[in-house]
Amino acid sequence: MKILFLIVSNNSEKVWNGFRLANNFLKNGYEVNVFLLGEGVESDEISNEKFDINFEIDAFLKNSATVSKIYACGTCLGIRNKETPYGWYKSTLDELRKLILESDKVITF
């Protein structure tokens, strides 16, 4: 089963929970992709003491198979003058559309 996580927030608790759940699905054998859109592309910059988002992102990258990826909206990165972080793929809305249509479930945070 293919699961797509769409993260559109820069709220630390929401992003942390999104990646925690994505990691849970990944550990249980699902194909998981994460697409960061809008404020979601800021995910690697918003960790705090309570919510270690970078730990969850690193765990996802470490445990993901070659079919599971983190995509980031290229336009959203550009608006923020932000480079694509290591391990993420700069992407487009066309790719997001494709991922949505190929996924069995889409979960939004």
Protein backbone atom coordinates (compact mmCIF):
# COMPACT_ATOMS: atom_id res chain seq x y z
CA MET A 1 0.00 0.00 0.00
CA LYS A 2 1.25 3.48 -0.89
CA ILE A 3 0.79 6.30 1.63
CA LEU A 4 1.41 9.98 0.87
CA PHE A 5 1.92 12.45 3.70
CA LEU A 6 1.25 16.04 2.70
CA ILE A 7 2.78 18.43 5.22
CA VAL A 8 1.62 22.02 4.73
CA SER A 9 2.32 23.46 8.19
CA ASN A 10 5.33 24.80 10.02
CA ASN A 11 3.73 24.10 13.40
CA SER A 12 6.39 22.06 15.19
CA GLU A 13 4.00 19.61 16.87
CA LYS A 14 2.05 18.94 13.66
CA VAL A 15 5.19 18.40 11.59
CA TRP A 16 6.74 16.19 14.30
CA ASN A 17 3.61 14.04 14.48
CA GLY A 18 3.42 13.86 10.69
CA PHE A 19 6.94 12.50 10.42
CA ARG A 20 6.45 10.19 13.42
CA LEU A 21 3.41 8.64 11.77
CA ALA A 22 5.19 8.44 8.40
CA ASN A 23 8.05 6.60 10.13
CA ASN A 24 5.56 4.24 11.78
CA PHE A 25 4.04 3.34 8.41
CA LEU A 26 7.50 2.97 6.91
CA LYS A 27 8.65 0.63 9.70
CA ASN A 28 5.56 -1.50 9.10
CA GLY A 29 6.38 -2.13 5.47
CA TYR A 30 4.37 0.52 3.65
CA GLU A 31 5.66 2.60 0.76
CA VAL A 32 5.63 6.13 2.15
CA ASN A 33 6.28 9.46 0.48
CA VAL A 34 6.25 12.86 2.14
CA PHE A 35 5.48 16.01 0.16
CA LEU A 36 6.26 19.35 1.80
CA LEU A 37 4.18 22.23 0.50
CA GLY A 38 3.96 25.88 1.56
CA GLU A 39 5.15 26.33 5.13
CA GLY A 40 5.94 22.61 5.22
CA VAL A 41 9.23 23.24 3.38
CA GLU A 42 10.43 24.90 6.59
CA SER A 43 10.24 21.56 8.46
CA ASP A 44 13.98 21.17 8.90
CA GLU A 45 14.22 24.62 10.56
CA ILE A 46 11.52 24.40 13.23
CA SER A 47 12.66 21.81 15.77
CA ASN A 48 12.43 22.70 19.42
CA GLU A 49 13.11 20.98 22.75
CA LYS A 50 9.76 19.17 22.85
CA PHE A 51 9.57 18.13 19.20
CA ASP A 52 12.78 16.90 17.58
CA ILE A 53 11.68 17.11 13.97
CA ASN A 54 15.17 16.70 12.55
CA PHE A 55 15.50 13.38 14.39
CA GLU A 56 12.28 12.18 12.73
CA ILE A 57 13.35 13.47 9.30
CA ASP A 58 16.74 11.74 9.66
CA ALA A 59 15.03 8.51 10.76
CA PHE A 60 12.77 8.65 7.70
CA LEU A 61 15.73 9.18 5.37
CA LYS A 62 17.72 6.43 7.08
CA ASN A 63 14.90 3.86 7.02
CA SER A 64 13.28 4.66 3.70
CA ALA A 65 13.67 2.28 0.83
CA THR A 66 14.55 3.62 -2.59
CA VAL A 67 10.83 4.04 -3.31
CA SER A 68 10.12 6.29 -0.28
CA LYS A 69 11.17 9.93 -0.56
CA ILE A 70 10.75 13.42 0.83
CA TYR A 71 9.64 15.85 -1.85
CA ALA A 72 9.65 19.63 -1.42
CA CYS A 73 7.79 22.13 -3.56
CA GLY A 74 10.40 23.96 -5.60
CA THR A 75 8.29 27.11 -5.86
CA CYS A 76 7.76 27.13 -2.08
CA LEU A 77 11.50 26.72 -1.52
CA GLY A 78 12.19 29.56 -3.97
CA ILE A 79 9.77 31.95 -2.27
CA ARG A 80 11.77 31.40 0.93
CA ASN A 81 15.17 31.64 -0.84
CA LYS A 82 15.82 28.16 0.52
CA GLU A 83 18.00 25.43 -0.95
CA THR A 84 16.76 21.85 -1.07
CA PRO A 85 18.01 20.15 2.11
CA TYR A 86 20.14 17.01 1.82
CA GLY A 87 18.05 13.94 1.05
CA TRP A 88 15.01 15.90 -0.15
CA TYR A 89 13.91 16.13 -3.78
CA LYS A 90 12.93 19.47 -5.29
CA SER A 91 9.56 18.88 -6.88
CA THR A 92 6.56 20.40 -8.62
CA LEU A 93 2.77 20.40 -8.41
CA ASP A 94 2.75 18.05 -11.40
CA GLU A 95 4.72 15.55 -9.32
CA LEU A 96 2.35 16.09 -6.37
CA ARG A 97 -0.63 15.36 -8.62
CA LYS A 98 1.06 12.16 -9.78
CA LEU A 99 1.85 11.11 -6.20
CA ILE A 100 -1.75 11.75 -5.11
CA LEU A 101 -3.16 9.68 -7.97
CA GLU A 102 -0.71 6.81 -7.34
CA SER A 103 -1.29 6.71 -3.58
CA ASP A 104 -3.84 4.54 -1.81
CA LYS A 105 -4.14 7.05 1.04
CA VAL A 106 -3.25 10.73 1.44
CA ILE A 107 -2.76 12.07 4.96
CA THR A 108 -2.44 15.81 5.52
CA PHE A 109 -0.74 17.61 8.42
